[in-house]
Amino acid sequence: MFPRFADLFAGMGDALPITTRMMLDTAGFLRSRWWILPPIAGLAGYGIHRLWQVERVRQGWDGSS
């Protein structure tokens, strides 16, 4: 899907808006380096779990100081 858009935009010759470039770059990154996402998601989940065990963090999230 995205390669067709990339070819279409490349043929226009004009500079693409930043949001379009970011979308195409993100799609390219995910296509070539998809295997990086599961470890990052696992580490983020572990970090959030560990952070949530801190009483001060839980109180801050709940809005009770």
N, C-alpha and C. Protein backbone atom coordinates (compact mmCIF):
# COMPACT_ATOMS: atom_id res chain seq x y z
N MET A 1 0.81 -1.19 0.00
CA MET A 1 0.00 0.00 0.00
C MET A 1 0.86 1.26 0.00
N PHE A 2 1.80 1.37 0.94
CA PHE A 2 2.62 2.57 1.04
C PHE A 2 3.61 2.74 -0.10
N PRO A 3 4.20 1.66 -0.63
CA PRO A 3 5.13 1.88 -1.75
C PRO A 3 4.45 2.55 -2.95
N ARG A 4 3.18 2.24 -3.17
CA ARG A 4 2.47 2.90 -4.27
C ARG A 4 2.36 4.40 -4.01
N PHE A 5 2.06 4.76 -2.76
CA PHE A 5 1.99 6.17 -2.41
C PHE A 5 3.35 6.83 -2.57
N ALA A 6 4.41 6.15 -2.13
CA ALA A 6 5.75 6.71 -2.22
C ALA A 6 6.10 6.98 -3.68
N ASP A 7 5.80 6.04 -4.56
CA ASP A 7 6.07 6.24 -5.99
C ASP A 7 5.25 7.38 -6.55
N LEU A 8 3.99 7.46 -6.15
CA LEU A 8 3.12 8.52 -6.62
C LEU A 8 3.65 9.88 -6.20
N PHE A 9 4.03 10.01 -4.93
CA PHE A 9 4.54 11.28 -4.43
C PHE A 9 5.89 11.62 -5.04
N ALA A 10 6.72 10.63 -5.26
CA ALA A 10 8.04 10.88 -5.86
C ALA A 10 7.90 11.42 -7.27
N GLY A 11 6.87 10.97 -8.00
CA GLY A 11 6.66 11.44 -9.36
C GLY A 11 6.15 12.86 -9.44
N MET A 12 5.63 13.40 -8.35
CA MET A 12 5.10 14.75 -8.36
C MET A 12 6.20 15.80 -8.42
N GLY A 13 7.34 15.50 -7.83
CA GLY A 13 8.45 16.43 -7.88
C GLY A 13 8.45 17.50 -6.80
N ASP A 14 7.33 17.73 -6.14
CA ASP A 14 7.26 18.73 -5.08
C ASP A 14 7.73 18.14 -3.75
N ALA A 15 8.10 19.03 -2.85
CA ALA A 15 8.47 18.58 -1.50
C ALA A 15 7.21 18.14 -0.77
N LEU A 16 7.32 17.02 -0.08
CA LEU A 16 6.17 16.49 0.65
C LEU A 16 6.02 17.17 1.99
N PRO A 17 4.78 17.27 2.48
CA PRO A 17 4.59 17.80 3.84
C PRO A 17 5.27 16.88 4.86
N ILE A 18 5.63 17.46 5.99
CA ILE A 18 6.37 16.71 7.01
C ILE A 18 5.57 15.51 7.51
N THR A 19 4.26 15.65 7.65
CA THR A 19 3.47 14.52 8.15
C THR A 19 3.47 13.35 7.17
N THR A 20 3.44 13.66 5.89
CA THR A 20 3.48 12.61 4.87
C THR A 20 4.83 11.92 4.87
N ARG A 21 5.89 12.71 4.98
CA ARG A 21 7.24 12.11 5.03
C ARG A 21 7.40 11.24 6.25
N MET A 22 6.87 11.71 7.40
CA MET A 22 6.96 10.91 8.63
C MET A 22 6.19 9.60 8.48
N MET A 23 5.02 9.64 7.87
CA MET A 23 4.22 8.43 7.67
C MET A 23 4.97 7.44 6.77
N LEU A 24 5.53 7.92 5.68
CA LEU A 24 6.24 7.04 4.76
C LEU A 24 7.51 6.49 5.40
N ASP A 25 8.22 7.33 6.16
CA ASP A 25 9.44 6.86 6.83
C ASP A 25 9.12 5.83 7.91
N THR A 26 8.03 6.06 8.66
CA THR A 26 7.63 5.10 9.69
C THR A 26 7.24 3.77 9.07
N ALA A 27 6.51 3.82 7.96
CA ALA A 27 6.12 2.58 7.28
C ALA A 27 7.35 1.83 6.78
N GLY A 28 8.31 2.55 6.24
CA GLY A 28 9.54 1.91 5.77
C GLY A 28 10.33 1.29 6.91
N PHE A 29 10.40 2.00 8.03
CA PHE A 29 11.10 1.48 9.20
C PHE A 29 10.43 0.21 9.71
N LEU A 30 9.11 0.25 9.83
CA LEU A 30 8.39 -0.92 10.34
C LEU A 30 8.50 -2.11 9.39
N ARG A 31 8.55 -1.83 8.11
CA ARG A 31 8.68 -2.92 7.14
C ARG A 31 10.05 -3.59 7.23
N SER A 32 11.09 -2.80 7.49
CA SER A 32 12.44 -3.37 7.49
C SER A 32 12.92 -3.81 8.87
N ARG A 33 12.36 -3.22 9.91
CA ARG A 33 12.85 -3.53 11.26
C ARG A 33 11.71 -3.88 12.21
N TRP A 34 10.75 -4.65 11.76
CA TRP A 34 9.60 -5.04 12.56
C TRP A 34 10.00 -5.83 13.80
N TRP A 35 11.10 -6.54 13.72
CA TRP A 35 11.53 -7.41 14.79
C TRP A 35 11.99 -6.64 16.03
N ILE A 36 12.20 -5.33 15.91
CA ILE A 36 12.62 -4.52 17.05
C ILE A 36 11.43 -4.23 17.97
N LEU A 37 10.23 -4.19 17.44
CA LEU A 37 9.06 -3.78 18.21
C LEU A 37 8.70 -4.70 19.38
N PRO A 38 8.69 -6.03 19.24
CA PRO A 38 8.34 -6.87 20.40
C PRO A 38 9.26 -6.69 21.61
N PRO A 39 10.59 -6.64 21.43
CA PRO A 39 11.43 -6.40 22.62
C PRO A 39 11.19 -5.03 23.24
N ILE A 40 10.98 -4.01 22.41
CA ILE A 40 10.72 -2.67 22.94
C ILE A 40 9.41 -2.66 23.72
N ALA A 41 8.38 -3.30 23.18
CA ALA A 41 7.09 -3.36 23.88
C ALA A 41 7.23 -4.13 25.19
N GLY A 42 7.98 -5.21 25.18
CA GLY A 42 8.21 -5.98 26.40
C GLY A 42 8.95 -5.18 27.45
N LEU A 43 10.00 -4.48 27.05
CA LEU A 43 10.75 -3.65 27.99
C LEU A 43 9.90 -2.50 28.52
N ALA A 44 9.10 -1.90 27.66
CA ALA A 44 8.22 -0.81 28.11
C ALA A 44 7.20 -1.34 29.11
N GLY A 45 6.62 -2.49 28.83
CA GLY A 45 5.66 -3.08 29.76
C GLY A 45 6.30 -3.40 31.10
N TYR A 46 7.49 -3.96 31.06
CA TYR A 46 8.21 -4.28 32.30
C TYR A 46 8.52 -3.01 33.08
N GLY A 47 8.97 -1.97 32.38
CA GLY A 47 9.29 -0.71 33.03
C GLY A 47 8.06 -0.07 33.67
N ILE A 48 6.94 -0.10 32.99
CA ILE A 48 5.70 0.44 33.54
C ILE A 48 5.26 -0.37 34.75
N HIS A 49 5.38 -1.67 34.65
CA HIS A 49 5.03 -2.53 35.78
C HIS A 49 5.87 -2.19 37.01
N ARG A 50 7.18 -2.06 36.81
CA ARG A 50 8.08 -1.73 37.92
C ARG A 50 7.79 -0.34 38.47
N LEU A 51 7.52 0.60 37.60
CA LEU A 51 7.23 1.96 38.02
C LEU A 51 5.93 2.02 38.81
N TRP A 52 4.97 1.23 38.41
CA TRP A 52 3.67 1.22 39.08
C TRP A 52 3.77 0.67 40.50
N GLN A 53 4.83 -0.05 40.82
CA GLN A 53 5.01 -0.57 42.16
C GLN A 53 5.49 0.49 43.15
N VAL A 54 5.88 1.66 42.65
CA VAL A 54 6.32 2.76 43.51
C VAL A 54 5.08 3.51 43.98
N GLU A 55 4.91 3.60 45.29
CA GLU A 55 3.71 4.20 45.88
C GLU A 55 3.51 5.64 45.42
N ARG A 56 4.57 6.40 45.36
CA ARG A 56 4.48 7.81 44.96
C ARG A 56 3.97 7.96 43.53
N VAL A 57 4.37 7.06 42.67
CA VAL A 57 3.92 7.09 41.27
C VAL A 57 2.42 6.79 41.22
N ARG A 58 1.99 5.78 41.94
CA ARG A 58 0.55 5.43 41.95
C ARG A 58 -0.28 6.58 42.49
N GLN A 59 0.19 7.23 43.55
CA GLN A 59 -0.54 8.35 44.11
C GLN A 59 -0.59 9.52 43.12
N GLY A 60 0.50 9.77 42.44
CA GLY A 60 0.53 10.84 41.44
C GLY A 60 -0.43 10.55 40.31
N TRP A 61 -0.51 9.31 39.89
CA TRP A 61 -1.42 8.94 38.81
C TRP A 61 -2.88 9.11 39.23
N ASP A 62 -3.17 8.74 40.47
CA ASP A 62 -4.53 8.86 40.98
C ASP A 62 -4.92 10.29 41.31
N GLY A 63 -3.94 11.16 41.40
CA GLY A 63 -4.21 12.56 41.70
C GLY A 63 -4.29 12.84 43.18
N SER A 64 -3.94 11.88 44.00
CA SER A 64 -3.95 12.09 45.45
C SER A 64 -2.51 12.20 45.93
N SER A 65 -2.15 13.36 46.39
CA SER A 65 -0.76 13.57 46.82
C SER A 65 -0.58 13.37 48.30
